[in-house]
Protein backbone atom coordinates (compact mmCIF):
# COMPACT_ATOMS: atom_id res chain seq x y z
CA MET A 1 20.73 -7.15 -88.65
CA ILE A 2 23.34 -5.51 -86.41
CA ALA A 3 20.61 -3.42 -84.75
CA ALA A 4 18.77 -6.64 -83.80
CA LEU A 5 21.93 -7.89 -82.09
CA ARG A 6 22.26 -4.72 -80.02
CA SER A 7 19.01 -5.16 -78.11
CA PRO A 8 18.23 -8.04 -75.75
CA TRP A 9 17.39 -11.07 -77.83
CA SER A 10 13.98 -12.63 -77.98
CA PRO A 11 14.01 -16.04 -76.26
CA ARG A 12 12.40 -17.46 -79.41
CA LEU A 13 15.14 -16.05 -81.65
CA ALA A 14 17.83 -17.34 -79.29
CA GLY A 15 16.13 -20.76 -79.24
CA VAL A 16 16.11 -20.91 -83.04
CA GLY A 17 19.79 -19.92 -83.08
CA LEU A 18 20.65 -22.62 -80.54
CA GLY A 19 18.70 -25.17 -82.57
CA LEU A 20 20.72 -24.24 -85.65
CA VAL A 21 23.98 -24.63 -83.72
CA VAL A 22 22.91 -28.11 -82.53
CA THR A 23 21.90 -29.05 -86.08
CA VAL A 24 25.21 -27.92 -87.58
CA SER A 25 27.17 -29.61 -84.79
CA MET A 26 25.49 -32.95 -85.39
CA ALA A 27 24.94 -32.83 -89.17
CA VAL A 28 28.17 -31.24 -90.32
CA PHE A 29 30.68 -32.22 -87.64
CA GLY A 30 29.09 -35.45 -86.40
CA HIS A 31 29.39 -34.41 -82.76
CA ARG A 32 26.77 -33.71 -80.14
CA LEU A 33 26.86 -30.29 -78.56
CA SER A 34 28.72 -31.16 -75.38
CA GLY A 35 31.38 -29.45 -73.33
CA ALA A 36 31.25 -31.54 -70.15
CA GLY A 37 34.52 -33.29 -70.88
CA ALA A 38 36.43 -30.07 -71.57
CA TYR A 39 37.63 -29.62 -68.01
CA GLN A 40 38.71 -33.25 -67.78
CA ASN A 41 40.52 -32.98 -71.11
CA LEU A 42 42.30 -29.83 -69.98
CA SER A 43 43.11 -31.28 -66.54
CA GLY A 44 45.09 -33.98 -68.32
CA PHE A 45 47.90 -31.51 -68.94
CA VAL A 46 48.44 -31.25 -65.19
CA GLY A 47 47.51 -34.88 -64.45
CA LYS A 48 50.07 -36.26 -66.88
CA ARG A 49 52.77 -34.20 -65.19
CA ILE A 50 51.80 -35.34 -61.69
CA ALA A 51 51.17 -39.01 -62.52
CA PRO A 52 52.54 -39.73 -66.01
CA ASP A 53 52.02 -43.50 -65.75
CA ALA A 54 48.43 -43.35 -64.47
CA MET A 55 45.99 -45.37 -66.58
CA TYR A 56 43.40 -42.61 -66.21
CA TRP A 57 45.43 -40.06 -68.17
CA GLN A 58 46.79 -42.63 -70.63
CA HIS A 59 43.59 -44.47 -71.62
CA VAL A 60 40.44 -43.01 -70.05
CA VAL A 61 40.49 -39.27 -70.65
CA PRO A 62 41.72 -37.84 -73.94
CA THR A 63 43.96 -34.88 -73.27
CA GLY A 64 44.36 -31.88 -75.49
CA LEU A 65 42.29 -29.84 -77.90
CA THR A 66 39.27 -32.14 -78.12
CA TRP A 67 35.77 -31.44 -79.44
CA ASP A 68 34.58 -30.65 -75.90
CA VAL A 69 37.37 -28.09 -75.44
CA LEU A 70 36.42 -26.45 -78.75
CA VAL A 71 32.76 -26.30 -77.62
CA LEU A 72 33.86 -24.67 -74.34
CA ILE A 73 35.97 -22.08 -76.19
CA GLY A 74 33.12 -21.43 -78.64
CA SER A 75 30.61 -21.05 -75.80
CA LEU A 76 32.76 -18.52 -73.97
CA GLY A 77 33.52 -16.62 -77.18
CA GLY A 78 29.89 -16.66 -78.30
CA ALA A 79 28.64 -15.46 -74.91
CA PHE A 80 31.17 -12.62 -74.92
CA ALA A 81 30.27 -11.62 -78.49
CA ALA A 82 26.52 -11.69 -77.79
CA ALA A 83 26.88 -9.65 -74.59
CA SER A 84 29.17 -7.18 -76.35
CA PHE A 85 26.87 -6.72 -79.34
CA SER A 86 23.83 -6.24 -77.11
CA ARG A 87 25.81 -3.86 -74.89
CA THR A 88 24.89 -5.87 -71.81
CA PHE A 89 28.39 -7.10 -70.97
CA LYS A 90 29.59 -6.16 -67.51
CA VAL A 91 31.81 -7.73 -64.91
CA ARG A 92 29.91 -8.31 -61.68
CA LEU A 93 31.15 -9.82 -58.46
CA MET A 94 27.61 -10.38 -57.19
CA PRO A 95 24.46 -11.26 -59.11
CA ASP A 96 21.09 -9.61 -58.66
CA ARG A 97 19.46 -8.54 -55.43
CA GLN A 98 17.43 -11.75 -55.20
CA TRP A 99 20.66 -13.68 -54.54
CA ALA A 100 21.80 -11.23 -51.86
CA ASP A 101 18.40 -11.36 -50.13
CA VAL A 102 18.65 -15.14 -49.75
CA PHE A 103 22.37 -15.83 -49.37
CA GLY A 104 23.73 -12.50 -48.16
CA SER A 105 26.07 -10.00 -49.75
CA SER A 106 29.36 -11.85 -49.18
CA VAL A 107 31.32 -12.06 -52.43
CA ALA A 108 33.43 -14.91 -50.98
CA ARG A 109 30.27 -16.94 -50.18
CA ARG A 110 28.93 -16.29 -53.68
CA TRP A 111 32.12 -17.49 -55.32
CA LEU A 112 32.43 -20.49 -52.99
CA LEU A 113 28.85 -21.62 -53.69
CA ALA A 114 29.34 -21.06 -57.43
CA PHE A 115 32.55 -23.11 -57.36
CA VAL A 116 31.03 -25.96 -55.32
CA GLY A 117 27.91 -26.01 -57.49
CA SER A 118 30.00 -26.05 -60.67
CA MET A 119 32.17 -28.87 -59.37
CA LEU A 120 29.12 -30.96 -58.40
CA THR A 121 27.65 -30.36 -61.85
CA GLU A 122 30.93 -31.38 -63.50
CA VAL A 123 31.22 -34.54 -61.40
CA GLY A 124 27.60 -35.42 -62.19
CA GLY A 125 28.16 -34.82 -65.89
CA GLY A 126 31.28 -36.97 -65.79
CA LEU A 127 29.47 -39.81 -64.01
CA ALA A 128 26.56 -39.60 -66.42
CA GLY A 129 28.82 -39.54 -69.47
CA GLY A 130 27.59 -36.16 -70.67
CA CYS A 131 26.25 -32.79 -69.68
CA THR A 132 22.87 -31.10 -69.76
CA ALA A 133 23.60 -29.54 -73.14
CA SER A 134 24.47 -32.89 -74.61
CA LEU A 135 21.51 -34.74 -73.15
CA ALA A 136 18.77 -32.10 -73.28
CA LEU A 137 19.73 -30.32 -76.50
CA SER A 138 21.41 -32.92 -78.67
CA GLY A 139 19.37 -35.80 -77.23
CA GLY A 140 16.15 -33.83 -77.56
CA ALA A 141 17.02 -32.93 -81.16
CA VAL A 142 17.10 -36.62 -82.08
CA LEU A 143 14.06 -37.38 -79.87
CA ALA A 144 15.99 -39.60 -77.47
CA PRO A 145 13.66 -40.68 -74.63
CA ALA A 146 16.41 -40.13 -72.04
CA ALA A 147 16.48 -36.43 -72.95
CA PHE A 148 12.83 -35.98 -72.07
CA VAL A 149 13.12 -38.02 -68.88
CA PHE A 150 16.09 -35.87 -67.87
CA MET A 151 14.32 -32.59 -68.66
CA ALA A 152 11.23 -33.67 -66.73
CA GLY A 153 13.41 -34.63 -63.77
CA MET A 154 15.33 -31.38 -63.98
CA PHE A 155 12.16 -29.30 -63.80
CA ALA A 156 10.53 -31.59 -61.22
CA SER A 157 13.53 -31.09 -58.90
CA GLY A 158 14.54 -27.56 -59.87
CA ILE A 159 11.18 -25.85 -59.34
CA PRO A 160 10.65 -27.12 -55.76
CA THR A 161 14.29 -26.34 -54.93
CA ALA A 162 13.89 -22.76 -56.19
CA LEU A 163 10.66 -22.40 -54.22
CA VAL A 164 12.39 -23.53 -51.03
CA LEU A 165 15.49 -21.37 -51.53
CA TYR A 166 13.77 -18.23 -52.73
CA ARG A 167 10.45 -18.28 -50.86
CA ARG A 168 9.57 -15.06 -49.16
CA THR A 169 8.40 -14.92 -45.62
CA ASP A 170 6.34 -11.75 -45.89
CA SER A 171 4.47 -11.18 -42.67
């Protein structure tokens, strides 16, 4: 068993594992697998200090160690454990060469784009009332139509975007 964890995982095995995590999350704990609210829940610690009487921090966003925060902690811990067991963990400032070919080798640009992209994803998840994990995984597990509409839209927009960003102009 440990030897299987030391090599890169099969996508099928990882998919089965993720399916089991979603099943346990929903069946045992009664929560969808979602971490989109974690950053909002954690930001409440600062928000309540800056604006203690604001309705947003008092009634809209729960602050503290919520389910979403626990999912975030579990995701980070699980990713670290999996990378450590498979001996693929490494700290990198820049991703693969494909990124550098398209966007350049600036570490500052990489981190800025990653930050802006993450913030846009978080804002979108907040506006939608959930994140991709919640909608695609948990929604798909219970055969919610919105999950399949979302996944179709994600691929329908993501594939052309990747083709535009990463197309090669070999002459």
